[in-house]
Structure formats: structure tokens, C-alpha cells
Amino acid sequence: MKLYKLPLVIHQPSEETEDRLMAEVPSIPGCRAWGDTPTEVMENLQSVAAGFIDSYSASGDPLPAGVEAISTGESRSQESSRLQFELPRINPAIVPNGL
């Protein structure tokens, strides 16, 4: 099993995000997830990002630049990749007062 470090961006609820939180991994095109709470959006993004990485690996394609493997361990199970997200970047222009 490999551990990956991924940068992410969190977008506050807006019309563009269907009034929900949206998180994305910019280094993996199309890798984004939505949720009603920070916990939900992060759980959803972890699942989506792991699926993207597993798909790249299964097809033998190289991972996009910016996807950093930070450790490799032997595992007898067929578990999905484990992810570690960098602290999110939040666009200050869209952050509501109080955050």
C-alpha cells in the first residue's frame, strides 16, 4: 500500500457548488467531491481521490505531476491507496465572514 500526499482546495457553498462545500485535488483533473459538512466533503474526496489513483495504477498510467507518494509499505490486502491531504487553500474572496 502506498501513502500519497495531495494538495487540495476547498470551495465554500455557492451557486457554482450547488450551495454545498466542494473540495478538489487540482493536480488530478476532475477529482472533486461535494458535501454538506467539512467531514462529509473530506470523506467523499478521499474516496474519489483513492479511486482516481487506483485507476491510474490499474491501467499502468503514470500519476499526474503533483501527486506525491510519501511512503510504500507491504500489505497483503487489496486496500485502496491511503491519502494525506495538505492544508487546504481557500480563496479569501469567497470565504464568508467569520471563517
PDB file of N, CA and C in Angstrom:
ATOM      1  N   MET A   1       0.848  -1.168   0.000  1.00  0.00           N
ATOM      2  CA  MET A   1       0.000   0.000   0.000  1.00  0.00           C
ATOM      3  C   MET A   1       0.894   1.232   0.000  1.00  0.00           C
ATOM      4  N   LYS A   2       0.504   2.236  -0.754  1.00  0.00           N
ATOM      5  CA  LYS A   2       1.237   3.487  -0.806  1.00  0.00           C
ATOM      6  C   LYS A   2       0.441   4.578  -0.101  1.00  0.00           C
ATOM      7  N   LEU A   3       1.171   5.532   0.452  1.00  0.00           N
ATOM      8  CA  LEU A   3       0.576   6.707   1.075  1.00  0.00           C
ATOM      9  C   LEU A   3       0.884   7.887   0.177  1.00  0.00           C
ATOM     10  N   TYR A   4      -0.126   8.653  -0.175  1.00  0.00           N
ATOM     11  CA  TYR A   4       0.026   9.786  -1.084  1.00  0.00           C
ATOM     12  C   TYR A   4      -0.289  11.089  -0.372  1.00  0.00           C
ATOM     13  N   LYS A   5       0.474  12.114  -0.711  1.00  0.00           N
ATOM     14  CA  LYS A   5       0.247  13.460  -0.194  1.00  0.00           C
ATOM     15  C   LYS A   5      -0.328  14.283  -1.348  1.00  0.00           C
ATOM     16  N   LEU A   6      -1.515  14.862  -1.125  1.00  0.00           N
ATOM     17  CA  LEU A   6      -2.210  15.587  -2.183  1.00  0.00           C
ATOM     18  C   LEU A   6      -2.589  16.991  -1.728  1.00  0.00           C
ATOM     19  N   PRO A   7      -2.322  17.993  -2.559  1.00  0.00           N
ATOM     20  CA  PRO A   7      -2.818  19.335  -2.247  1.00  0.00           C
ATOM     21  C   PRO A   7      -4.321  19.386  -2.549  1.00  0.00           C
ATOM     22  N   LEU A   8      -5.049  20.216  -1.840  1.00  0.00           N
ATOM     23  CA  LEU A   8      -6.463  20.337  -2.132  1.00  0.00           C
ATOM     24  C   LEU A   8      -6.927  21.775  -1.968  1.00  0.00           C
ATOM     25  N   VAL A   9      -8.044  22.062  -2.585  1.00  0.00           N
ATOM     26  CA  VAL A   9      -8.687  23.367  -2.490  1.00  0.00           C
ATOM     27  C   VAL A   9     -10.121  23.112  -2.045  1.00  0.00           C
ATOM     28  N   ILE A  10     -10.582  23.903  -1.074  1.00  0.00           N
ATOM     29  CA  ILE A  10     -11.970  23.799  -0.622  1.00  0.00           C
ATOM     30  C   ILE A  10     -12.702  25.066  -1.035  1.00  0.00           C
ATOM     31  N   HIS A  11     -13.853  24.873  -1.649  1.00  0.00           N
ATOM     32  CA  HIS A  11     -14.696  25.990  -2.078  1.00  0.00           C
ATOM     33  C   HIS A  11     -15.905  26.064  -1.154  1.00  0.00           C
ATOM     34  N   GLN A  12     -16.199  27.260  -0.693  1.00  0.00           N
ATOM     35  CA  GLN A  12     -17.360  27.469   0.164  1.00  0.00           C
ATOM     36  C   GLN A  12     -18.641  27.308  -0.654  1.00  0.00           C
ATOM     37  N   PRO A  13     -19.756  27.047   0.016  1.00  0.00           N
ATOM     38  CA  PRO A  13     -21.027  26.906  -0.708  1.00  0.00           C
ATOM     39  C   PRO A  13     -21.342  28.150  -1.541  1.00  0.00           C
ATOM     40  N   SER A  14     -21.787  27.908  -2.763  1.00  0.00           N
ATOM     41  CA  SER A  14     -22.187  28.979  -3.673  1.00  0.00           C
ATOM     42  C   SER A  14     -23.068  28.359  -4.747  1.00  0.00           C
ATOM     43  N   GLU A  15     -23.566  29.205  -5.649  1.00  0.00           N
ATOM     44  CA  GLU A  15     -24.362  28.664  -6.751  1.00  0.00           C
ATOM     45  C   GLU A  15     -23.523  27.714  -7.603  1.00  0.00           C
ATOM     46  N   GLU A  16     -22.222  28.049  -7.781  1.00  0.00           N
ATOM     47  CA  GLU A  16     -21.337  27.209  -8.588  1.00  0.00           C
ATOM     48  C   GLU A  16     -21.120  25.831  -7.974  1.00  0.00           C
ATOM     49  N   THR A  17     -21.227  25.724  -6.647  1.00  0.00           N
ATOM     50  CA  THR A  17     -21.017  24.436  -5.969  1.00  0.00           C
ATOM     51  C   THR A  17     -22.336  23.830  -5.503  1.00  0.00           C
ATOM     52  N   GLU A  18     -23.427  24.292  -6.114  1.00  0.00           N
ATOM     53  CA  GLU A  18     -24.763  23.783  -5.783  1.00  0.00           C
ATOM     54  C   GLU A  18     -25.097  24.002  -4.310  1.00  0.00           C
ATOM     55  N   ASP A  19     -24.603  25.125  -3.760  1.00  0.00           N
ATOM     56  CA  ASP A  19     -24.828  25.511  -2.357  1.00  0.00           C
ATOM     57  C   ASP A  19     -24.312  24.470  -1.377  1.00  0.00           C
ATOM     58  N   ARG A  20     -23.259  23.762  -1.763  1.00  0.00           N
ATOM     59  CA  ARG A  20     -22.604  22.773  -0.893  1.00  0.00           C
ATOM     60  C   ARG A  20     -21.114  23.066  -0.883  1.00  0.00           C
ATOM     61  N   LEU A  21     -20.407  22.536   0.095  1.00  0.00           N
ATOM     62  CA  LEU A  21     -18.955  22.609   0.091  1.00  0.00           C
ATOM     63  C   LEU A  21     -18.440  21.753  -1.058  1.00  0.00           C
ATOM     64  N   MET A  22     -17.375  22.216  -1.695  1.00  0.00           N
ATOM     65  CA  MET A  22     -16.738  21.401  -2.721  1.00  0.00           C
ATOM     66  C   MET A  22     -15.242  21.391  -2.444  1.00  0.00           C
ATOM     67  N   ALA A  23     -14.632  20.228  -2.539  1.00  0.00           N
ATOM     68  CA  ALA A  23     -13.190  20.088  -2.389  1.00  0.00           C
ATOM     69  C   ALA A  23     -12.663  19.420  -3.651  1.00  0.00           C
ATOM     70  N   GLU A  24     -11.470  19.846  -4.064  1.00  0.00           N
ATOM     71  CA  GLU A  24     -10.878  19.257  -5.257  1.00  0.00           C
ATOM     72  C   GLU A  24      -9.370  19.125  -5.096  1.00  0.00           C
ATOM     73  N   VAL A  25      -8.818  18.178  -5.839  1.00  0.00           N
ATOM     74  CA  VAL A  25      -7.374  17.984  -5.911  1.00  0.00           C
ATOM     75  C   VAL A  25      -6.964  18.511  -7.288  1.00  0.00           C
ATOM     76  N   PRO A  26      -6.410  19.742  -7.347  1.00  0.00           N
ATOM     77  CA  PRO A  26      -6.111  20.352  -8.647  1.00  0.00           C
ATOM     78  C   PRO A  26      -5.137  19.551  -9.506  1.00  0.00           C
ATOM     79  N   SER A  27      -4.267  18.778  -8.891  1.00  0.00           N
ATOM     80  CA  SER A  27      -3.280  18.023  -9.662  1.00  0.00           C
ATOM     81  C   SER A  27      -3.871  16.785 -10.338  1.00  0.00           C
ATOM     82  N   ILE A  28      -5.115  16.416  -9.983  1.00  0.00           N
ATOM     83  CA  ILE A  28      -5.789  15.278 -10.629  1.00  0.00           C
ATOM     84  C   ILE A  28      -7.032  15.827 -11.327  1.00  0.00           C
ATOM     85  N   PRO A  29      -6.970  16.001 -12.649  1.00  0.00           N
ATOM     86  CA  PRO A  29      -8.112  16.575 -13.370  1.00  0.00           C
ATOM     87  C   PRO A  29      -9.418  15.840 -13.088  1.00  0.00           C
ATOM     88  N   GLY A  30     -10.441  16.610 -12.708  1.00  0.00           N
ATOM     89  CA  GLY A  30     -11.762  16.046 -12.448  1.00  0.00           C
ATOM     90  C   GLY A  30     -11.951  15.466 -11.073  1.00  0.00           C
ATOM     91  N   CYS A  31     -10.925  15.493 -10.240  1.00  0.00           N
ATOM     92  CA  CYS A  31     -11.020  14.908  -8.902  1.00  0.00           C
ATOM     93  C   CYS A  31     -11.611  15.934  -7.945  1.00  0.00           C
ATOM     94  N   ARG A  32     -12.920  15.828  -7.744  1.00  0.00           N
ATOM     95  CA  ARG A  32     -13.620  16.746  -6.842  1.00  0.00           C
ATOM     96  C   ARG A  32     -14.796  16.041  -6.210  1.00  0.00           C
ATOM     97  N   ALA A  33     -15.210  16.579  -5.072  1.00  0.00           N
ATOM     98  CA  ALA A  33     -16.331  15.972  -4.340  1.00  0.00           C
ATOM     99  C   ALA A  33     -17.086  17.074  -3.612  1.00  0.00           C
ATOM    100  N   TRP A  34     -18.341  16.797  -3.308  1.00  0.00           N
ATOM    101  CA  TRP A  34     -19.208  17.740  -2.626  1.00  0.00           C
ATOM    102  C   TRP A  34     -19.673  17.146  -1.305  1.00  0.00           C
ATOM    103  N   GLY A  35     -20.078  18.023  -0.393  1.00  0.00           N
ATOM    104  CA  GLY A  35     -20.625  17.565   0.874  1.00  0.00           C
ATOM    105  C   GLY A  35     -21.297  18.717   1.595  1.00  0.00           C
ATOM    106  N   ASP A  36     -22.144  18.361   2.554  1.00  0.00           N
ATOM    107  CA  ASP A  36     -22.850  19.378   3.338  1.00  0.00           C
ATOM    108  C   ASP A  36     -22.058  19.832   4.552  1.00  0.00           C
ATOM    109  N   THR A  37     -21.088  19.040   4.985  1.00  0.00           N
ATOM    110  CA  THR A  37     -20.255  19.384   6.138  1.00  0.00           C
ATOM    111  C   THR A  37     -18.786  19.188   5.745  1.00  0.00           C
ATOM    112  N   PRO A  38     -17.862  19.825   6.473  1.00  0.00           N
ATOM    113  CA  PRO A  38     -16.445  19.598   6.180  1.00  0.00           C
ATOM    114  C   PRO A  38     -16.059  18.116   6.257  1.00  0.00           C
ATOM    115  N   THR A  39     -16.584  17.413   7.234  1.00  0.00           N
ATOM    116  CA  THR A  39     -16.278  15.986   7.367  1.00  0.00           C
ATOM    117  C   THR A  39     -16.772  15.212   6.158  1.00  0.00           C
ATOM    118  N   GLU A  40     -17.998  15.482   5.744  1.00  0.00           N
ATOM    119  CA  GLU A  40     -18.575  14.764   4.611  1.00  0.00           C
ATOM    120  C   GLU A  40     -17.800  15.037   3.324  1.00  0.00           C
ATOM    121  N   VAL A  41     -17.455  16.301   3.065  1.00  0.00           N
ATOM    122  CA  VAL A  41     -16.742  16.611   1.827  1.00  0.00           C
ATOM    123  C   VAL A  41     -15.360  15.971   1.821  1.00  0.00           C
ATOM    124  N   MET A  42     -14.686  15.907   2.977  1.00  0.00           N
ATOM    125  CA  MET A  42     -13.364  15.289   3.028  1.00  0.00           C
ATOM    126  C   MET A  42     -13.447  13.769   2.868  1.00  0.00           C
ATOM    127  N   GLU A  43     -14.443  13.141   3.472  1.00  0.00           N
ATOM    128  CA  GLU A  43     -14.633  11.691   3.295  1.00  0.00           C
ATOM    129  C   GLU A  43     -14.920  11.379   1.829  1.00  0.00           C
ATOM    130  N   ASN A  44     -15.781  12.184   1.212  1.00  0.00           N
ATOM    131  CA  ASN A  44     -16.118  11.971  -0.189  1.00  0.00           C
ATOM    132  C   ASN A  44     -14.894  12.166  -1.081  1.00  0.00           C
ATOM    133  N   LEU A  45     -14.115  13.222  -0.810  1.00  0.00           N
ATOM    134  CA  LEU A  45     -12.925  13.486  -1.623  1.00  0.00           C
ATOM    135  C   LEU A  45     -11.898  12.376  -1.452  1.00  0.00           C
ATOM    136  N   GLN A  46     -11.731  11.872  -0.255  1.00  0.00           N
ATOM    137  CA  GLN A  46     -10.771  10.787  -0.039  1.00  0.00           C
ATOM    138  C   GLN A  46     -11.158   9.574  -0.883  1.00  0.00           C
ATOM    139  N   SER A  47     -12.427   9.249  -0.905  1.00  0.00           N
ATOM    140  CA  SER A  47     -12.895   8.111  -1.683  1.00  0.00           C
ATOM    141  C   SER A  47     -12.678   8.340  -3.183  1.00  0.00           C
ATOM    142  N   VAL A  48     -13.016   9.525  -3.652  1.00  0.00           N
ATOM    143  CA  VAL A  48     -12.869   9.842  -5.077  1.00  0.00           C
ATOM    144  C   VAL A  48     -11.393   9.842  -5.477  1.00  0.00           C
ATOM    145  N   ALA A  49     -10.536  10.492  -4.678  1.00  0.00           N
ATOM    146  CA  ALA A  49      -9.109  10.566  -4.999  1.00  0.00           C
ATOM    147  C   ALA A  49      -8.475   9.175  -4.997  1.00  0.00           C
ATOM    148  N   ALA A  50      -8.834   8.347  -4.031  1.00  0.00           N
ATOM    149  CA  ALA A  50      -8.305   6.976  -3.993  1.00  0.00           C
ATOM    150  C   ALA A  50      -8.724   6.220  -5.251  1.00  0.00           C
ATOM    151  N   GLY A  51      -9.957   6.421  -5.689  1.00  0.00           N
ATOM    152  CA  GLY A  51     -10.430   5.777  -6.912  1.00  0.00           C
ATOM    153  C   GLY A  51      -9.646   6.224  -8.136  1.00  0.00           C
ATOM    154  N   PHE A  52      -9.365   7.524  -8.229  1.00  0.00           N
ATOM    155  CA  PHE A  52      -8.563   8.033  -9.334  1.00  0.00           C
ATOM    156  C   PHE A  52      -7.169   7.399  -9.320  1.00  0.00           C
ATOM    157  N   ILE A  53      -6.504   7.405  -8.158  1.00  0.00           N
ATOM    158  CA  ILE A  53      -5.148   6.860  -8.058  1.00  0.00           C
ATOM    159  C   ILE A  53      -5.145   5.369  -8.368  1.00  0.00           C
ATOM    160  N   ASP A  54      -6.112   4.626  -7.843  1.00  0.00           N
ATOM    161  CA  ASP A  54      -6.199   3.192  -8.128  1.00  0.00           C
ATOM    162  C   ASP A  54      -6.420   2.942  -9.620  1.00  0.00           C
ATOM    163  N   SER A  55      -7.211   3.802 -10.268  1.00  0.00           N
ATOM    164  CA  SER A  55      -7.473   3.664 -11.695  1.00  0.00           C
ATOM    165  C   SER A  55      -6.206   3.905 -12.512  1.00  0.00           C
ATOM    166  N   TYR A  56      -5.459   4.960 -12.161  1.00  0.00           N
ATOM    167  CA  TYR A  56      -4.185   5.213 -12.840  1.00  0.00           C
ATOM    168  C   TYR A  56      -3.272   3.994 -12.690  1.00  0.00           C
ATOM    169  N   SER A  57      -3.158   3.481 -11.475  1.00  0.00           N
ATOM    170  CA  SER A  57      -2.268   2.346 -11.208  1.00  0.00           C
ATOM    171  C   SER A  57      -2.715   1.095 -11.964  1.00  0.00           C
ATOM    172  N   ALA A  58      -4.012   0.816 -11.956  1.00  0.00           N
ATOM    173  CA  ALA A  58      -4.533  -0.387 -12.610  1.00  0.00           C
ATOM    174  C   ALA A  58      -4.307  -0.356 -14.118  1.00  0.00           C
ATOM    175  N   SER A  59      -4.366   0.842 -14.708  1.00  0.00           N
ATOM    176  CA  SER A  59      -4.187   0.945 -16.155  1.00  0.00           C
ATOM    177  C   SER A  59      -2.726   1.114 -16.550  1.00  0.00           C
ATOM    178  N   GLY A  60      -1.840   1.241 -15.549  1.00  0.00           N
ATOM    179  CA  GLY A  60      -0.414   1.394 -15.835  1.00  0.00           C
ATOM    180  C   GLY A  60      -0.009   2.794 -16.245  1.00  0.00           C
ATOM    181  N   ASP A  61      -0.920   3.752 -16.086  1.00  0.00           N
ATOM    182  CA  ASP A  61      -0.620   5.140 -16.440  1.00  0.00           C
ATOM    183  C   ASP A  61       0.151   5.820 -15.318  1.00  0.00           C
ATOM    184  N   PRO A  62       1.060   6.732 -15.679  1.00  0.00           N
ATOM    185  CA  PRO A  62       1.768   7.466 -14.625  1.00  0.00           C
ATOM    186  C   PRO A  62       0.817   8.428 -13.921  1.00  0.00           C
ATOM    187  N   LEU A  63       1.073   8.651 -12.643  1.00  0.00           N
ATOM    188  CA  LEU A  63       0.262   9.609 -11.894  1.00  0.00           C
ATOM    189  C   LEU A  63       0.594  11.019 -12.352  1.00  0.00           C
ATOM    190  N   PRO A  64      -0.380  11.934 -12.304  1.00  0.00           N
ATOM    191  CA  PRO A  64      -0.119  13.312 -12.706  1.00  0.00           C
ATOM    192  C   PRO A  64       0.941  13.963 -11.808  1.00  0.00           C
ATOM    193  N   ALA A  65       1.626  14.956 -12.365  1.00  0.00           N
ATOM    194  CA  ALA A  65       2.576  15.740 -11.571  1.00  0.00           C
ATOM    195  C   ALA A  65       1.813  16.342 -10.399  1.00  0.00           C
ATOM    196  N   GLY A  66       2.422  16.400  -9.257  1.00  0.00           N
ATOM    197  CA  GLY A  66       1.755  16.937  -8.075  1.00  0.00           C
ATOM    198  C   GLY A  66       1.184  15.877  -7.166  1.00  0.00           C
ATOM    199  N   VAL A  67       1.087  14.639  -7.653  1.00  0.00           N
ATOM    200  CA  VAL A  67       0.655  13.528  -6.813  1.00  0.00           C
ATOM    201  C   VAL A  67       1.922  12.887  -6.273  1.00  0.00           C
ATOM    202  N   GLU A  68       2.136  13.023  -4.984  1.00  0.00           N
ATOM    203  CA  GLU A  68       3.394  12.623  -4.365  1.00  0.00           C
ATOM    204  C   GLU A  68       3.212  11.396  -3.475  1.00  0.00           C
ATOM    205  N   ALA A  69       3.896  10.303  -3.827  1.00  0.00           N
ATOM    206  CA  ALA A  69       3.901   9.121  -2.963  1.00  0.00           C
ATOM    207  C   ALA A  69       4.905   9.395  -1.856  1.00  0.00           C
ATOM    208  N   ILE A  70       4.462   9.322  -0.589  1.00  0.00           N
ATOM    209  CA  ILE A  70       5.367   9.649   0.507  1.00  0.00           C
ATOM    210  C   ILE A  70       5.847   8.428   1.270  1.00  0.00           C
ATOM    211  N   SER A  71       5.239   7.276   1.038  1.00  0.00           N
ATOM    212  CA  SER A  71       5.759   6.040   1.628  1.00  0.00           C
ATOM    213  C   SER A  71       5.143   4.851   0.928  1.00  0.00           C
ATOM    214  N   THR A  72       5.835   3.749   1.023  1.00  0.00           N
ATOM    215  CA  THR A  72       5.355   2.494   0.456  1.00  0.00           C
ATOM    216  C   THR A  72       5.498   1.437   1.531  1.00  0.00           C
ATOM    217  N   GLY A  73       4.457   0.675   1.730  1.00  0.00           N
ATOM    218  CA  GLY A  73       4.510  -0.407   2.705  1.00  0.00           C
ATOM    219  C   GLY A  73       3.956  -1.669   2.103  1.00  0.00           C
ATOM    220  N   GLU A  74       4.417  -2.773   2.580  1.00  0.00           N
ATOM    221  CA  GLU A  74       3.892  -4.057   2.121  1.00  0.00           C
ATOM    222  C   GLU A  74       2.541  -4.296   2.771  1.00  0.00           C
ATOM    223  N   SER A  75       1.604  -4.757   1.999  1.00  0.00           N
ATOM    224  CA  SER A  75       0.287  -5.070   2.513  1.00  0.00           C
ATOM    225  C   SER A  75      -0.224  -6.311   1.809  1.00  0.00           C
ATOM    226  N   ARG A  76      -0.782  -7.220   2.562  1.00  0.00           N
ATOM    227  CA  ARG A  76      -1.314  -8.448   1.965  1.00  0.00           C
ATOM    228  C   ARG A  76      -2.736  -8.264   1.452  1.00  0.00           C
ATOM    229  N   SER A  77      -3.377  -7.203   1.857  1.00  0.00           N
ATOM    230  CA  SER A  77      -4.756  -6.974   1.414  1.00  0.00           C
ATOM    231  C   SER A  77      -4.767  -6.120   0.152  1.00  0.00           C
ATOM    232  N   GLN A  78      -5.912  -6.012  -0.453  1.00  0.00           N
ATOM    233  CA  GLN A  78      -6.083  -5.214  -1.655  1.00  0.00           C
ATOM    234  C   GLN A  78      -6.727  -3.871  -1.306  1.00  0.00           C
ATOM    235  N   GLU A  79      -6.269  -3.243  -0.239  1.00  0.00           N
ATOM    236  CA  GLU A  79      -6.845  -1.975   0.187  1.00  0.00           C
ATOM    237  C   GLU A  79      -6.548  -0.880  -0.821  1.00  0.00           C
ATOM    238  N   SER A  80      -7.400   0.131  -0.853  1.00  0.00           N
ATOM    239  CA  SER A  80      -7.165   1.293  -1.692  1.00  0.00           C
ATOM    240  C   SER A  80      -5.981   2.078  -1.161  1.00  0.00           C
ATOM    241  N   SER A  81      -5.509   2.974  -1.976  1.00  0.00           N
ATOM    242  CA  SER A  81      -4.421   3.851  -1.574  1.00  0.00           C
ATOM    243  C   SER A  81      -4.845   4.694  -0.385  1.00  0.00           C
ATOM    244  N   ARG A  82      -3.900   4.996   0.489  1.00  0.00           N
ATOM    245  CA  ARG A  82      -4.160   5.883   1.622  1.00  0.00           C
ATOM    246  C   ARG A  82      -3.703   7.265   1.224  1.00  0.00           C
ATOM    247  N   LEU A  83      -4.437   8.282   1.684  1.00  0.00           N
ATOM    248  CA  LEU A  83      -4.176   9.654   1.275  1.00  0.00           C
ATOM    249  C   LEU A  83      -3.918  10.550   2.463  1.00  0.00           C
ATOM    250  N   GLN A  84      -3.043  11.512   2.273  1.00  0.00           N
ATOM    251  CA  GLN A  84      -2.813  12.570   3.256  1.00  0.00           C
ATOM    252  C   GLN A  84      -2.961  13.869   2.492  1.00  0.00           C
ATOM    253  N   PHE A  85      -3.901  14.688   2.916  1.00  0.00           N
ATOM    254  CA  PHE A  85      -4.128  15.943   2.222  1.00  0.00           C
ATOM    255  C   PHE A  85      -3.324  17.051   2.866  1.00  0.00           C
ATOM    256  N   GLU A  86      -2.760  17.951   2.023  1.00  0.00           N
ATOM    257  CA  GLU A  86      -2.111  19.145   2.534  1.00  0.00           C
ATOM    258  C   GLU A  86      -3.196  20.090   3.012  1.00  0.00           C
ATOM    259  N   LEU A  87      -2.837  21.033   3.868  1.00  0.00           N
ATOM    260  CA  LEU A  87      -3.817  22.014   4.329  1.00  0.00           C
ATOM    261  C   LEU A  87      -4.457  22.688   3.136  1.00  0.00           C
ATOM    262  N   PRO A  88      -5.753  22.891   3.187  1.00  0.00           N
ATOM    263  CA  PRO A  88      -6.442  23.437   2.022  1.00  0.00           C
ATOM    264  C   PRO A  88      -6.113  24.898   1.771  1.00  0.00           C
ATOM    265  N   ARG A  89      -6.194  25.247   0.497  1.00  0.00           N
ATOM    266  CA  ARG A  89      -6.147  26.645   0.087  1.00  0.00           C
ATOM    267  C   ARG A  89      -7.594  27.076  -0.095  1.00  0.00           C
ATOM    268  N   ILE A  90      -7.943  28.189   0.496  1.00  0.00           N
ATOM    269  CA  ILE A  90      -9.309  28.705   0.365  1.00  0.00           C
ATOM    270  C   ILE A  90      -9.215  30.091  -0.227  1.00  0.00           C
ATOM    271  N   ASN A  91      -9.969  30.328  -1.270  1.00  0.00           N
ATOM    272  CA  ASN A  91      -9.992  31.621  -1.913  1.00  0.00           C
ATOM    273  C   ASN A  91     -10.639  32.627  -0.973  1.00  0.00           C
ATOM    274  N   PRO A  92      -9.879  33.633  -0.463  1.00  0.00           N
ATOM    275  CA  PRO A  92     -10.447  34.572   0.508  1.00  0.00           C
ATOM    276  C   PRO A  92     -11.622  35.375  -0.031  1.00  0.00           C
ATOM    277  N   ALA A  93     -11.704  35.505  -1.357  1.00  0.00           N
ATOM    278  CA  ALA A  93     -12.813  36.265  -1.928  1.00  0.00           C
ATOM    279  C   ALA A  93     -14.149  35.571  -1.739  1.00  0.00           C
ATOM    280  N   ILE A  94     -14.128  34.261  -1.471  1.00  0.00           N
ATOM    281  CA  ILE A  94     -15.397  33.547  -1.335  1.00  0.00           C
ATOM    282  C   ILE A  94     -15.644  33.056   0.072  1.00  0.00           C
ATOM    283  N   VAL A  95     -14.762  33.394   1.005  1.00  0.00           N
ATOM    284  CA  VAL A  95     -14.940  32.941   2.385  1.00  0.00           C
ATOM    285  C   VAL A  95     -15.916  33.872   3.099  1.00  0.00           C
ATOM    286  N   PRO A  96     -17.003  33.337   3.637  1.00  0.00           N
ATOM    287  CA  PRO A  96     -17.951  34.190   4.351  1.00  0.00           C
ATOM    288  C   PRO A  96     -17.331  34.739   5.637  1.00  0.00           C
ATOM    289  N   ASN A  97     -17.859  35.857   6.124  1.00  0.00           N
ATOM    290  CA  ASN A  97     -17.378  36.445   7.370  1.00  0.00           C
ATOM    291  C   ASN A  97     -17.453  35.416   8.488  1.00  0.00           C
ATOM    292  N   GLY A  98     -16.448  35.440   9.361  1.00  0.00           N
ATOM    293  CA  GLY A  98     -16.456  34.540  10.499  1.00  0.00           C
ATOM    294  C   GLY A  98     -15.629  33.292  10.308  1.00  0.00           C
ATOM    295  N   LEU A  99     -15.129  33.066   9.076  1.00  0.00           N
ATOM    296  CA  LEU A  99     -14.272  31.889   8.864  1.00  0.00           C
ATOM    297  C   LEU A  99     -12.838  32.301   8.820  1.00  0.00           C
TER     298      LEU A  99
END
